[in-house]
C-alpha cells in the first residue's frame, strides 16, 4: 500500500490528510466516496521503504511554491491581458499553465484548483502570502468588487515592473563598489601572504635593512596568520550582531536612524520610501481600498522603521478625520513639504490617485539621480583607495629588492 497526501474541499472548508491505496486512482475513488472536491492528491515523499514525516514535507513543499520577481510580473501581465480578451479567469489560468510549464506552474495549478472549488481569485491568491503580498491580494479583491479585474492586474503588472527595476538599480549601484573592494583585498592578501615573505627572506639573507612599510605589512600578515581563528569568530559575531539588530524592533530603530543620517545614503533611503509610499497609496485610492487597510499594508511594506511608524501614525489621524495633506505636513522630516502641498491641491480637485502616481514617478527619478550621484562620489574614492593600496604593496615589495641590488653594486 502507498500513502497519498490529499486536500479536499467539503462544505466550503479545506481538509487535509493521508490516505492509503494501491494507486493514485484508487486513492481518488476513496476520497470521492467520502464526498467533496479533490484539490490536491499526491504520493507522500519516500526514500525506499522510509516515509518522510509531515514536518519534512512541510519544509520541502514551499520550495515548489515559489515565484521569482520576473515570473510574478510575467504571470500578472499575461493574466491581465488574457482577461481583457474576455476569457474567464479559470480558462486564462489553464492557458497560462499550458504555456508555461515551470516551477511557477505549481502554485498556479493550486490556485486554479481553489477557483474550481468555488473560491474567488483574491481568496485563492491569499493562500500564498509568500508569493502574493497583501497589496497584491487587496488590489485584486478591489478589482473583483468593481468589475475591473483585468485593469487591476494590468496596473499591478506595471507597478511590479517599476518596483523590480528600481530595486535592480539600487542593487547595481551597491554591487560595483563591493566587488571592487573584494577584488582589491583578495589581491592584497595574495601578495602579502605569498610574495612579500619571499622578498623579506631574500632581503634578510642579503643583509639588507627592511623598510618600515615592509615591516608593517609583515607584522599585519603575521598577526592575521597567528590569530585567524579569533578574527574569523569576531567577523562572524559582528555579522550575527548586525543581523540581530536589523531583525529586531529596537535594533532597527538604531540602524535605520543611522542610515537616514548618512549623507547621500540617507537621501537614497528617503527617496525610495517616498516613491514606494506614493505608488502603493495611488493604487489603494484608485481601487477603493479602505484607509485603515491601506495604511496597515503601507506600514508593513515600507522598509525603513521610521517610515513604517509614520504610516501607523497617519492611519490614526486619518481615521480621526484629518486630511492626507495635513498628516503629511506633520511628517516633514520624512516627507518633503512639496509632497504635502501637491496632495492638498489634488484633494481639492479630486485627482488624488493620479497625483500620487505622478509624485511616485518624480521620486523615482530623484532616486535614480541620487544613485548616479552616489556612483559619481564612490568612483574617485575607490580609485584613491585602490591607488593607495597598490602603492603600499608595491613599495613593500620593490624597496627591499632595490636595497639588495644597491648593496650588490
Protein backbone atom coordinates (compact mmCIF):
# COMPACT_ATOMS: atom_id res chain seq x y z
CA UNK A 1 0.00 0.00 0.00
CA UNK A 2 1.16 3.52 -0.82
CA UNK A 3 0.37 6.60 1.22
CA UNK A 4 -1.04 9.70 -0.51
CA UNK A 5 -1.41 13.20 0.91
CA UNK A 6 -4.67 14.92 -0.03
CA UNK A 7 -6.52 18.22 0.29
CA UNK A 8 -10.28 18.22 -0.34
CA UNK A 9 -12.97 20.89 -0.18
CA UNK A 10 -16.07 19.87 1.79
CA UNK A 11 -18.87 22.31 2.54
CA UNK A 12 -16.61 25.28 1.85
CA UNK A 13 -13.78 24.04 4.13
CA UNK A 14 -10.39 22.63 3.14
CA UNK A 15 -9.48 19.32 4.79
CA UNK A 16 -6.03 17.73 4.52
CA UNK A 17 -4.83 14.27 5.47
CA UNK A 18 -3.27 10.97 4.35
CA UNK A 19 -4.99 8.05 2.62
CA UNK A 20 -3.59 4.59 1.83
CA UNK A 21 -4.30 2.96 -1.54
CA UNK A 22 -2.71 0.77 -4.23
CA UNK A 23 -2.63 3.64 -6.76
CA UNK A 24 -3.48 7.32 -7.09
CA UNK A 25 -6.67 6.35 -8.98
CA UNK A 26 -7.83 4.14 -6.10
CA UNK A 27 -6.98 6.91 -3.62
CA UNK A 28 -9.10 9.34 -5.66
CA UNK A 29 -12.02 6.89 -5.67
CA UNK A 30 -11.80 6.52 -1.88
CA UNK A 31 -11.91 10.29 -1.40
CA UNK A 32 -14.80 10.71 -3.84
CA UNK A 33 -16.80 8.15 -1.85
CA UNK A 34 -16.32 10.33 1.23
CA UNK A 35 -17.64 13.37 -0.67
CA UNK A 36 -16.12 16.73 -1.53
CA UNK A 37 -13.95 18.14 -4.28
CA UNK A 38 -10.31 16.98 -4.52
CA UNK A 39 -7.95 19.98 -4.59
CA UNK A 40 -4.70 18.04 -4.30
CA UNK A 41 -3.66 14.39 -4.29
CA UNK A 42 -0.06 13.22 -4.44
CA UNK A 43 2.17 10.43 -3.18
CA UNK A 44 4.00 11.15 0.06
CA UNK A 45 7.73 11.80 -0.20
CA UNK A 46 9.52 8.47 0.25
CA UNK A 47 13.01 7.03 0.17
CA UNK A 48 12.80 3.25 -0.32
CA UNK A 49 10.58 1.94 2.48
CA UNK A 50 11.28 5.04 4.62
CA UNK A 51 8.40 7.55 4.67
CA UNK A 52 9.42 11.10 5.38
CA UNK A 53 7.29 12.72 8.09
CA UNK A 54 4.81 15.52 7.64
CA UNK A 55 7.24 18.02 9.17
CA UNK A 56 9.82 17.34 6.44
CA UNK A 57 7.09 17.59 3.81
CA UNK A 58 6.13 21.00 5.18
CA UNK A 59 9.75 22.07 4.76
CA UNK A 60 10.06 20.71 1.23
CA UNK A 61 6.67 21.81 -0.12
CA UNK A 62 7.38 25.59 -0.02
CA UNK A 63 10.34 25.02 -2.34
CA UNK A 64 7.84 24.14 -5.09
CA UNK A 65 5.55 27.07 -4.28
CA UNK A 66 7.89 29.95 -5.08
CA UNK A 67 7.70 32.52 -7.83
CA UNK A 68 10.54 34.86 -8.71
CA UNK A 69 10.01 38.58 -9.31
CA UNK A 70 10.30 38.15 -13.09
CA UNK A 71 7.88 35.20 -13.07
CA UNK A 72 5.39 37.13 -10.94
CA UNK A 73 5.48 40.09 -13.34
CA UNK A 74 5.02 37.75 -16.32
CA UNK A 75 2.12 35.93 -14.63
CA UNK A 76 0.34 39.17 -13.68
CA UNK A 77 0.69 40.95 -17.02
CA UNK A 78 -0.25 37.89 -19.11
CA UNK A 79 -3.24 37.05 -16.91
CA UNK A 80 -4.46 40.65 -17.20
CA UNK A 81 -4.05 40.55 -21.00
CA UNK A 82 -5.99 37.26 -21.23
CA UNK A 83 -8.86 38.62 -19.12
CA UNK A 84 -9.08 41.72 -21.33
CA UNK A 85 -9.91 39.45 -24.27
CA UNK A 86 -12.97 38.21 -22.34
CA UNK A 87 -11.51 34.88 -21.25
CA UNK A 88 -12.85 33.60 -17.87
CA UNK A 89 -10.32 33.53 -15.01
CA UNK A 90 -10.18 29.71 -14.80
CA UNK A 91 -9.66 29.35 -18.57
CA UNK A 92 -6.99 32.05 -18.52
CA UNK A 93 -5.09 30.20 -15.77
CA UNK A 94 -5.38 26.91 -17.68
CA UNK A 95 -3.99 28.55 -20.82
CA UNK A 96 -1.16 30.07 -18.80
CA UNK A 97 -0.25 26.71 -17.23
CA UNK A 98 -0.26 25.04 -20.64
CA UNK A 99 2.02 27.74 -21.99
CA UNK A 100 4.47 27.97 -19.04
CA UNK A 101 5.41 24.57 -17.67
CA UNK A 102 7.90 25.61 -14.98
CA UNK A 103 8.32 25.95 -11.21
CA UNK A 104 5.75 28.75 -11.20
CA UNK A 105 3.13 26.33 -12.55
CA UNK A 106 2.88 24.64 -9.13
CA UNK A 107 1.20 27.50 -7.20
CA UNK A 108 -0.84 28.50 -10.29
CA UNK A 109 -2.25 24.96 -10.60
CA UNK A 110 -3.27 25.01 -6.95
CA UNK A 111 -4.84 28.45 -7.35
CA UNK A 112 -6.83 27.03 -10.27
CA UNK A 113 -7.98 24.09 -8.13
CA UNK A 114 -9.24 26.51 -5.47
CA UNK A 115 -11.07 28.56 -8.11
CA UNK A 116 -12.84 25.40 -9.32
CA UNK A 117 -13.77 24.67 -5.71
CA UNK A 118 -15.70 27.96 -5.59
CA UNK A 119 -13.18 30.45 -4.21
CA UNK A 120 -12.60 33.87 -5.78
CA UNK A 121 -9.22 34.74 -7.33
CA UNK A 122 -8.27 37.04 -4.43
CA UNK A 123 -9.13 34.32 -1.87
CA UNK A 124 -7.05 31.80 -3.81
CA UNK A 125 -4.10 34.18 -4.06
CA UNK A 126 -4.31 34.90 -0.32
CA UNK A 127 -3.43 31.22 0.29
CA UNK A 128 0.12 32.03 -0.87
CA UNK A 129 1.19 35.07 1.23
CA UNK A 130 4.89 34.48 0.47
CA UNK A 131 4.17 34.88 -3.25
CA UNK A 132 1.28 37.36 -3.27
CA UNK A 133 1.51 40.01 -0.55
CA UNK A 134 -1.37 41.97 0.99
CA UNK A 135 -1.03 44.78 -1.54
CA UNK A 136 -1.41 42.37 -4.45
CA UNK A 137 -4.35 40.49 -2.92
CA UNK A 138 -6.29 43.62 -1.92
CA UNK A 139 -5.90 45.33 -5.31
CA UNK A 140 -7.16 42.12 -6.97
CA UNK A 141 -10.07 41.94 -4.47
CA UNK A 142 -10.98 45.56 -5.21
CA UNK A 143 -10.79 44.84 -8.95
CA UNK A 144 -13.20 41.91 -8.49
CA UNK A 145 -15.63 44.06 -6.48
CA UNK A 146 -15.56 46.92 -9.02
CA UNK A 147 -15.72 44.62 -12.04
CA UNK A 148 -12.27 45.78 -13.20
CA UNK A 149 -10.18 42.67 -12.56
CA UNK A 150 -8.28 42.83 -15.87
CA UNK A 151 -7.49 46.51 -15.31
CA UNK A 152 -6.31 45.90 -11.72
CA UNK A 153 -3.99 43.08 -12.88
CA UNK A 154 -2.54 45.29 -15.64
CA UNK A 155 -1.98 48.00 -13.03
CA UNK A 156 -0.26 45.50 -10.68
CA UNK A 157 1.93 44.24 -13.53
CA UNK A 158 3.12 47.79 -14.27
CA UNK A 159 3.77 48.53 -10.57
CA UNK A 160 5.68 45.28 -10.05
CA UNK A 161 7.81 46.00 -13.11
CA UNK A 162 8.60 49.55 -11.90
CA UNK A 163 9.48 48.30 -8.42
CA UNK A 164 11.65 45.50 -9.81
CA UNK A 165 13.57 47.96 -12.00
CA UNK A 166 14.01 50.30 -9.02
CA UNK A 167 15.38 47.53 -6.77
CA UNK A 168 17.75 46.36 -9.53
CA UNK A 169 19.13 49.91 -9.93
CA UNK A 170 19.82 50.13 -6.20
CA UNK A 171 21.48 46.70 -6.19
CA UNK A 172 23.62 47.56 -9.22
CA UNK A 173 24.82 50.77 -7.56
CA UNK A 174 25.77 48.83 -4.39
CA UNK A 175 27.32 45.82 -6.17
CA UNK A 176 30.06 47.72 -8.04
CA UNK A 177 31.99 49.07 -5.02
CA UNK A 178 31.59 45.79 -3.09
CA UNK A 179 33.03 43.72 -5.97
CA UNK A 180 35.94 46.17 -6.46
CA UNK A 181 36.82 46.20 -2.76
CA UNK A 182 36.64 42.39 -2.51
CA UNK A 183 38.91 42.02 -5.54
CA UNK A 184 41.38 44.54 -4.09
CA UNK A 185 41.52 42.84 -0.70
CA UNK A 186 41.90 39.46 -2.40
CA UNK A 187 44.90 40.61 -4.48
CA UNK A 188 46.49 42.36 -1.48
CA UNK A 189 46.05 39.25 0.68
CA UNK A 190 47.61 37.03 -2.01
CA UNK A 191 50.67 39.29 -2.40
CA UNK A 192 51.06 39.78 1.38
CA UNK A 193 50.87 36.04 2.13
CA UNK A 194 52.84 34.60 -0.80
CA UNK A 195 55.12 37.23 -2.39
CA UNK A 196 56.17 39.54 0.48
CA UNK A 197 57.54 36.75 2.79
CA UNK A 198 59.82 35.50 -0.01
CA UNK A 199 61.10 39.02 -0.69
CA UNK A 200 61.73 39.55 3.05
CA UNK A 201 63.68 36.27 3.33
CA UNK A 202 65.73 37.24 0.27
CA UNK A 203 66.49 40.72 1.70
CA UNK A 204 67.39 39.39 5.17
CA UNK A 205 69.77 36.78 3.69
CA UNK A 206 71.46 39.56 1.73
CA UNK A 207 71.79 41.64 4.93
CA UNK A 208 69.61 44.49 3.67
CA UNK A 209 67.56 46.52 6.16
CA UNK A 210 63.82 46.21 5.64
CA UNK A 211 61.90 49.47 5.03
CA UNK A 212 59.19 50.48 7.53
CA UNK A 213 56.32 49.81 5.12
CA UNK A 214 57.52 46.21 4.57
CA UNK A 215 57.80 45.71 8.34
CA UNK A 216 54.20 46.93 8.76
CA UNK A 217 52.91 44.56 6.04
CA UNK A 218 54.80 41.61 7.58
CA UNK A 219 53.56 42.46 11.11
CA UNK A 220 49.93 42.64 9.95
CA UNK A 221 50.30 39.42 7.94
CA UNK A 222 51.85 37.53 10.88
CA UNK A 223 49.10 38.79 13.20
CA UNK A 224 46.38 37.56 10.82
CA UNK A 225 48.09 34.16 10.43
CA UNK A 226 48.52 33.71 14.17
CA UNK A 227 45.07 34.89 15.26
CA UNK A 228 42.99 33.94 12.19
CA UNK A 229 40.57 31.86 14.27
CA UNK A 230 39.90 34.75 16.65
CA UNK A 231 39.48 37.20 13.72
CA UNK A 232 37.09 34.79 11.97
CA UNK A 233 34.98 34.40 15.13
CA UNK A 234 34.97 38.19 15.56
CA UNK A 235 33.72 38.71 11.99
CA UNK A 236 31.02 36.03 12.45
CA UNK A 237 30.00 37.66 15.74
CA UNK A 238 29.74 41.09 14.09
CA UNK A 239 27.63 39.65 11.24
CA UNK A 240 25.28 37.90 13.69
CA UNK A 241 25.07 41.04 15.85
CA UNK A 242 24.25 43.21 12.82
CA UNK A 243 21.67 40.67 11.62
CA UNK A 244 20.01 40.68 15.07
CA UNK A 245 19.94 44.46 15.05
CA UNK A 246 18.32 44.52 11.62
CA UNK A 247 15.66 41.94 12.57
CA UNK A 248 14.56 43.29 15.98
CA UNK A 249 12.45 46.36 16.63
CA UNK A 250 14.92 48.05 18.96
CA UNK A 251 17.83 47.23 16.66
CA UNK A 252 16.05 48.62 13.59
CA UNK A 253 15.31 51.86 15.46
CA UNK A 254 19.05 52.37 15.89
CA UNK A 255 20.31 51.17 12.49
CA UNK A 256 17.56 52.83 10.43
CA UNK A 257 18.16 56.16 12.21
CA UNK A 258 21.90 55.89 11.47
CA UNK A 259 21.26 55.09 7.79
CA UNK A 260 18.92 58.10 7.47
CA UNK A 261 21.65 60.40 8.85
CA UNK A 262 24.39 59.22 6.43
CA UNK A 263 24.88 61.76 3.60
CA UNK A 264 23.64 60.58 0.17
CA UNK A 265 22.67 57.15 1.58
CA UNK A 266 20.02 58.83 3.77
CA UNK A 267 18.63 60.69 0.74
CA UNK A 268 18.56 57.44 -1.22
CA UNK A 269 16.53 55.71 1.55
CA UNK A 270 14.12 58.66 1.76
CA UNK A 271 13.51 58.78 -1.98
CA UNK A 272 12.94 55.03 -2.16
CA UNK A 273 10.39 55.03 0.69
CA UNK A 274 8.65 58.18 -0.58
CA UNK A 275 8.33 56.68 -4.08
CA UNK A 276 7.01 53.37 -2.70
CA UNK A 277 4.58 55.18 -0.37
CA UNK A 278 3.15 57.31 -3.20
CA UNK A 279 2.91 54.45 -5.72
CA UNK A 280 1.21 52.00 -3.33
CA UNK A 281 -1.20 54.64 -1.98
CA UNK A 282 -2.10 55.67 -5.53
CA UNK A 283 -3.24 52.11 -6.27
CA UNK A 284 -5.18 51.86 -3.00
CA UNK A 285 -7.11 55.06 -3.73
CA UNK A 286 -7.73 54.05 -7.34
CA UNK A 287 -9.22 50.67 -6.40
CA UNK A 288 -11.11 51.75 -3.30
CA UNK A 289 -9.06 50.01 -0.60
CA UNK A 290 -10.13 51.34 2.82
CA UNK A 291 -7.88 53.87 4.59
CA UNK A 292 -7.26 51.59 7.58
CA UNK A 293 -6.30 48.60 5.46
CA UNK A 294 -4.24 50.73 3.04
CA UNK A 295 -2.09 52.21 5.80
CA UNK A 296 -1.77 48.87 7.60
CA UNK A 297 -0.30 47.44 4.38
CA UNK A 298 1.90 50.54 3.93
CA UNK A 299 3.33 50.15 7.44
CA UNK A 300 4.35 46.56 6.56
CA UNK A 301 5.63 47.42 3.07
CA UNK A 302 7.88 50.40 3.84
CA UNK A 303 11.37 49.07 4.58
CA UNK A 304 12.57 51.76 6.98
CA UNK A 305 11.36 51.57 10.62
CA UNK A 306 10.58 55.29 10.86
CA UNK A 307 8.54 55.32 7.63
CA UNK A 308 6.64 52.28 8.88
CA UNK A 309 5.85 54.02 12.19
CA UNK A 310 4.87 57.20 10.31
CA UNK A 311 2.31 55.19 8.30
CA UNK A 312 0.77 53.90 11.55
CA UNK A 313 0.52 57.44 12.96
CA UNK A 314 -1.00 58.69 9.69
CA UNK A 315 -3.66 55.98 9.85
CA UNK A 316 -4.76 57.06 13.32
CA UNK A 317 -5.01 60.71 12.25
CA UNK A 318 -6.85 59.91 9.01
CA UNK A 319 -9.36 57.73 10.87
CA UNK A 320 -9.86 60.66 13.28
CA UNK A 321 -10.96 62.80 10.32
CA UNK A 322 -7.84 64.65 9.20
CA UNK A 323 -6.90 65.02 5.53
CA UNK A 324 -3.91 63.28 3.91
CA UNK A 325 -2.20 66.62 3.20
CA UNK A 326 -2.48 67.58 6.88
CA UNK A 327 -0.95 64.34 8.17
CA UNK A 328 1.84 64.54 5.56
CA UNK A 329 2.61 68.10 6.70
CA UNK A 330 3.17 66.75 10.23
CA UNK A 331 5.91 64.36 8.99
CA UNK A 332 8.23 66.87 7.32
CA UNK A 333 11.35 65.01 8.47
CA UNK A 334 10.40 62.01 6.32
CA UNK A 335 8.18 63.56 3.62
CA UNK A 336 9.15 66.75 1.78
CA UNK A 337 6.95 69.81 2.14
CA UNK A 338 6.22 69.83 -1.60
CA UNK A 339 4.52 66.44 -1.27
CA UNK A 340 2.00 67.78 1.26
CA UNK A 341 1.28 70.89 -0.87
CA UNK A 342 0.78 68.88 -4.08
CA UNK A 343 -1.51 66.41 -2.27
CA UNK A 344 -3.53 69.31 -0.84
CA UNK A 345 -4.17 70.60 -4.34
CA UNK A 346 -5.12 67.11 -5.53
CA UNK A 347 -7.62 66.72 -2.67
CA UNK A 348 -9.37 69.90 -3.84
CA UNK A 349 -9.51 68.80 -7.49
CA UNK A 350 -10.38 65.13 -6.80
CA UNK A 351 -7.46 63.54 -8.69
CA UNK A 352 -5.55 62.17 -5.71
CA UNK A 353 -4.68 58.78 -7.22
CA UNK A 354 -3.26 60.35 -10.42
CA UNK A 355 -1.31 62.96 -8.43
CA UNK A 356 0.20 60.33 -6.13
CA UNK A 357 1.29 58.31 -9.17
CA UNK A 358 2.98 61.39 -10.64
CA UNK A 359 4.69 62.00 -7.30
CA UNK A 360 5.89 58.38 -7.30
CA UNK A 361 7.41 58.85 -10.77
CA UNK A 362 9.03 62.12 -9.62
CA UNK A 363 10.60 60.49 -6.56
CA UNK A 364 11.78 57.51 -8.61
CA UNK A 365 13.56 59.93 -10.95
CA UNK A 366 15.03 61.68 -7.90
CA UNK A 367 16.17 58.28 -6.58
CA UNK A 368 17.86 57.49 -9.89
CA UNK A 369 19.58 60.89 -9.78
CA UNK A 370 20.73 60.21 -6.18
CA UNK A 371 22.08 56.81 -7.25
CA UNK A 372 24.04 58.44 -10.07
CA UNK A 373 25.42 60.98 -7.59
CA UNK A 374 26.43 58.16 -5.25
CA UNK A 375 28.20 56.34 -8.08
CA UNK A 376 29.95 59.57 -9.07
CA UNK A 377 31.19 60.05 -5.49
CA UNK A 378 32.19 56.40 -4.97
CA UNK A 379 34.28 56.06 -8.16
CA UNK A 380 37.01 58.63 -7.30
CA UNK A 381 37.07 57.45 -3.66
CA UNK A 382 37.60 53.87 -4.85
CA UNK A 383 40.33 54.97 -7.27
CA UNK A 384 42.17 56.81 -4.47
CA UNK A 385 41.74 53.85 -2.11
CA UNK A 386 42.92 51.36 -4.75
CA UNK A 387 45.84 53.58 -5.63
CA UNK A 388 46.97 53.80 -2.01
CA UNK A 389 46.68 50.02 -1.62
CA UNK A 390 48.63 49.30 -4.83
CA UNK A 391 51.35 51.83 -3.97
CA UNK A 392 51.69 50.43 -0.44
CA UNK A 393 52.05 46.82 -1.60
CA UNK A 394 54.37 47.85 -4.44
CA UNK A 395 56.67 49.73 -2.06
CA UNK A 396 56.67 46.80 0.37
CA UNK A 397 57.92 44.54 -2.45
CA UNK A 398 60.11 46.84 -4.56
CA UNK A 399 62.04 48.77 -1.85
CA UNK A 400 63.69 45.64 -0.30
CA UNK A 401 64.70 44.42 -3.79
CA UNK A 402 66.15 47.86 -4.60
CA UNK A 403 68.19 47.89 -1.36
CA UNK A 404 69.60 44.42 -2.05
CA UNK A 405 70.62 45.34 -5.61
CA UNK A 406 72.18 48.58 -4.30
CA UNK A 407 74.33 46.60 -1.85
CA UNK A 408 75.45 44.19 -4.58
CA UNK A 409 76.72 47.11 -6.63
